[in-house]
Amino acid sequence: MSRSSANADVFHAVAAASRRQVIDRLAKGEASVGALADEVGLSYSAASQHLAILFDVGLVRRRHEGRRRLYRLDAAPLREVARWVSHYERFWSERLDRLQAFFDVPARRRRR
């Protein structure tokens, strides 16, 4: 996968913990690059680079207010991630049900 196509992938975008922190912060409301950098604990440059990746996949929108760029979350691309993860909900639910059934059987019956 080329670097440009990797950057256009929502899974790649949410893979980095720092970008997930930026997404979490933007879920609370619009913010400038500087505010995001401060709140998330990134350098201005790193925050800007993370925002560029999020922007490329459509997870953030930006608008200009004077010289500042303000970013806001557009969570629609996260539907793709949610759909993929939902396939595993049944898998884990079945595993947990089997584990619960195992523990519901008295220990002396399990040893037979």
C-alpha atoms as a PDB file:
ATOM      1  CA  MET A   1       0.000   0.000   0.000  1.00  0.00           C
ATOM      2  CA  SER A   2       1.508   3.315  -0.993  1.00  0.00           C
ATOM      3  CA  ARG A   3       1.938   6.058   1.582  1.00  0.00           C
ATOM      4  CA  SER A   4      -0.717   8.245  -0.040  1.00  0.00           C
ATOM      5  CA  SER A   5      -3.306   5.455  -0.092  1.00  0.00           C
ATOM      6  CA  ALA A   6      -2.416   4.519   3.499  1.00  0.00           C
ATOM      7  CA  ASN A   7      -3.035   8.104   4.548  1.00  0.00           C
ATOM      8  CA  ALA A   8      -6.461   8.021   2.896  1.00  0.00           C
ATOM      9  CA  ASP A   9      -7.519   5.000   4.986  1.00  0.00           C
ATOM     10  CA  VAL A  10      -9.709   5.692   8.029  1.00  0.00           C
ATOM     11  CA  PHE A  11      -8.197   2.642   9.779  1.00  0.00           C
ATOM     12  CA  HIS A  12      -4.730   4.121   9.373  1.00  0.00           C
ATOM     13  CA  ALA A  13      -6.018   7.446  10.633  1.00  0.00           C
ATOM     14  CA  VAL A  14      -7.407   6.021  13.882  1.00  0.00           C
ATOM     15  CA  ALA A  15      -4.476   3.653  14.434  1.00  0.00           C
ATOM     16  CA  ALA A  16      -2.346   6.317  16.130  1.00  0.00           C
ATOM     17  CA  ALA A  17      -3.143   7.062  19.764  1.00  0.00           C
ATOM     18  CA  SER A  18      -2.413  10.764  19.279  1.00  0.00           C
ATOM     19  CA  ARG A  19      -4.941  11.000  16.452  1.00  0.00           C
ATOM     20  CA  ARG A  20      -7.537   9.231  18.600  1.00  0.00           C
ATOM     21  CA  GLN A  21      -6.877  11.835  21.298  1.00  0.00           C
ATOM     22  CA  VAL A  22      -7.396  14.596  18.732  1.00  0.00           C
ATOM     23  CA  ILE A  23     -10.658  12.951  17.622  1.00  0.00           C
ATOM     24  CA  ASP A  24     -11.794  12.664  21.258  1.00  0.00           C
ATOM     25  CA  ARG A  25     -11.021  16.330  21.840  1.00  0.00           C
ATOM     26  CA  LEU A  26     -12.791  17.465  18.667  1.00  0.00           C
ATOM     27  CA  ALA A  27     -15.851  15.460  19.700  1.00  0.00           C
ATOM     28  CA  LYS A  28     -16.248  18.117  22.414  1.00  0.00           C
ATOM     29  CA  GLY A  29     -16.175  20.972  19.911  1.00  0.00           C
ATOM     30  CA  GLU A  30     -14.214  22.979  17.410  1.00  0.00           C
ATOM     31  CA  ALA A  31     -10.588  23.922  18.145  1.00  0.00           C
ATOM     32  CA  SER A  32      -7.554  25.542  16.567  1.00  0.00           C
ATOM     33  CA  VAL A  33      -4.309  23.684  15.893  1.00  0.00           C
ATOM     34  CA  GLY A  34      -2.626  25.478  18.785  1.00  0.00           C
ATOM     35  CA  ALA A  35      -5.411  24.632  21.230  1.00  0.00           C
ATOM     36  CA  LEU A  36      -5.376  20.991  20.133  1.00  0.00           C
ATOM     37  CA  ALA A  37      -1.593  20.828  20.483  1.00  0.00           C
ATOM     38  CA  ASP A  38      -1.778  22.193  24.017  1.00  0.00           C
ATOM     39  CA  GLU A  39      -4.711  20.073  25.138  1.00  0.00           C
ATOM     40  CA  VAL A  40      -3.456  16.809  23.660  1.00  0.00           C
ATOM     41  CA  GLY A  41       0.186  17.419  24.550  1.00  0.00           C
ATOM     42  CA  LEU A  42       1.664  17.615  21.069  1.00  0.00           C
ATOM     43  CA  SER A  43       3.946  20.070  19.343  1.00  0.00           C
ATOM     44  CA  TYR A  44       2.223  22.446  16.945  1.00  0.00           C
ATOM     45  CA  SER A  45       3.907  20.647  14.045  1.00  0.00           C
ATOM     46  CA  ALA A  46       2.812  17.175  15.208  1.00  0.00           C
ATOM     47  CA  ALA A  47      -0.764  18.354  15.791  1.00  0.00           C
ATOM     48  CA  SER A  48      -0.814  19.885  12.319  1.00  0.00           C
ATOM     49  CA  GLN A  49       0.472  16.660  10.746  1.00  0.00           C
ATOM     50  CA  HIS A  50      -2.117  14.544  12.577  1.00  0.00           C
ATOM     51  CA  LEU A  51      -4.874  16.938  11.530  1.00  0.00           C
ATOM     52  CA  ALA A  52      -3.747  16.691   7.894  1.00  0.00           C
ATOM     53  CA  ILE A  53      -4.163  12.898   8.003  1.00  0.00           C
ATOM     54  CA  LEU A  54      -7.569  13.190   9.684  1.00  0.00           C
ATOM     55  CA  PHE A  55      -8.573  15.814   7.122  1.00  0.00           C
ATOM     56  CA  ASP A  56      -7.484  13.592   4.208  1.00  0.00           C
ATOM     57  CA  VAL A  57      -9.851  10.809   5.316  1.00  0.00           C
ATOM     58  CA  GLY A  58     -12.693  13.233   6.015  1.00  0.00           C
ATOM     59  CA  LEU A  59     -12.704  12.855   9.811  1.00  0.00           C
ATOM     60  CA  VAL A  60     -12.190  16.568  10.339  1.00  0.00           C
ATOM     61  CA  ARG A  61     -13.405  19.673   8.590  1.00  0.00           C
ATOM     62  CA  ARG A  62     -11.718  23.033   8.794  1.00  0.00           C
ATOM     63  CA  ARG A  63     -12.694  26.615   8.390  1.00  0.00           C
ATOM     64  CA  HIS A  64     -10.712  29.793   8.404  1.00  0.00           C
ATOM     65  CA  GLU A  65     -11.319  32.525  10.922  1.00  0.00           C
ATOM     66  CA  GLY A  66      -8.887  35.298  10.131  1.00  0.00           C
ATOM     67  CA  ARG A  67      -5.438  33.707  10.214  1.00  0.00           C
ATOM     68  CA  ARG A  68      -6.547  30.752  12.311  1.00  0.00           C
ATOM     69  CA  ARG A  69      -7.764  27.401  11.066  1.00  0.00           C
ATOM     70  CA  LEU A  70     -10.480  25.877  13.196  1.00  0.00           C
ATOM     71  CA  TYR A  71     -11.114  22.142  13.059  1.00  0.00           C
ATOM     72  CA  ARG A  72     -14.246  20.192  13.869  1.00  0.00           C
ATOM     73  CA  LEU A  73     -15.043  16.489  13.873  1.00  0.00           C
ATOM     74  CA  ASP A  74     -17.010  14.799  11.101  1.00  0.00           C
ATOM     75  CA  ALA A  75     -17.477  11.300  12.506  1.00  0.00           C
ATOM     76  CA  ALA A  76     -19.187   9.835   9.414  1.00  0.00           C
ATOM     77  CA  PRO A  77     -16.051   7.961   8.218  1.00  0.00           C
ATOM     78  CA  LEU A  78     -15.939   6.165  11.576  1.00  0.00           C
ATOM     79  CA  ARG A  79     -18.996   4.186  10.433  1.00  0.00           C
ATOM     80  CA  GLU A  80     -16.622   2.058   8.360  1.00  0.00           C
ATOM     81  CA  VAL A  81     -14.616   1.218  11.489  1.00  0.00           C
ATOM     82  CA  ALA A  82     -17.787   0.564  13.500  1.00  0.00           C
ATOM     83  CA  ARG A  83     -19.114  -1.808  10.809  1.00  0.00           C
ATOM     84  CA  TRP A  84     -15.868  -3.754  10.759  1.00  0.00           C
ATOM     85  CA  VAL A  85     -15.697  -3.996  14.560  1.00  0.00           C
ATOM     86  CA  SER A  86     -19.349  -5.062  14.773  1.00  0.00           C
ATOM     87  CA  HIS A  87     -18.491  -8.317  12.981  1.00  0.00           C
ATOM     88  CA  TYR A  88     -16.404  -9.269  16.008  1.00  0.00           C
ATOM     89  CA  GLU A  89     -19.074  -8.463  18.571  1.00  0.00           C
ATOM     90  CA  ARG A  90     -20.768 -11.801  17.854  1.00  0.00           C
ATOM     91  CA  PHE A  91     -17.419 -13.582  18.019  1.00  0.00           C
ATOM     92  CA  TRP A  92     -16.631 -12.195  21.470  1.00  0.00           C
ATOM     93  CA  SER A  93     -20.171 -12.606  22.691  1.00  0.00           C
ATOM     94  CA  GLU A  94     -20.095 -16.317  21.796  1.00  0.00           C
ATOM     95  CA  ARG A  95     -16.702 -16.746  23.475  1.00  0.00           C
ATOM     96  CA  LEU A  96     -17.896 -15.039  26.640  1.00  0.00           C
ATOM     97  CA  ASP A  97     -21.100 -17.112  26.658  1.00  0.00           C
ATOM     98  CA  ARG A  98     -19.015 -20.315  26.484  1.00  0.00           C
ATOM     99  CA  LEU A  99     -16.754 -19.095  29.268  1.00  0.00           C
ATOM    100  CA  GLN A 100     -19.787 -18.264  31.408  1.00  0.00           C
ATOM    101  CA  ALA A 101     -21.249 -21.724  30.741  1.00  0.00           C
ATOM    102  CA  PHE A 102     -17.941 -23.294  31.771  1.00  0.00           C
ATOM    103  CA  PHE A 103     -17.969 -21.477  35.094  1.00  0.00           C
ATOM    104  CA  ASP A 104     -21.649 -22.222  35.650  1.00  0.00           C
ATOM    105  CA  VAL A 105     -20.867 -25.971  35.703  1.00  0.00           C
ATOM    106  CA  PRO A 106     -19.762 -27.084  39.187  1.00  0.00           C
ATOM    107  CA  ALA A 107     -16.022 -27.746  39.437  1.00  0.00           C
ATOM    108  CA  ARG A 108     -16.452 -31.430  40.286  1.00  0.00           C
ATOM    109  CA  ARG A 109     -18.402 -32.010  37.037  1.00  0.00           C
ATOM    110  CA  ARG A 110     -15.676 -30.303  34.988  1.00  0.00           C
ATOM    111  CA  ARG A 111     -12.994 -32.667  36.344  1.00  0.00           C
ATOM    112  CA  ARG A 112     -14.723 -35.812  34.998  1.00  0.00           C
END
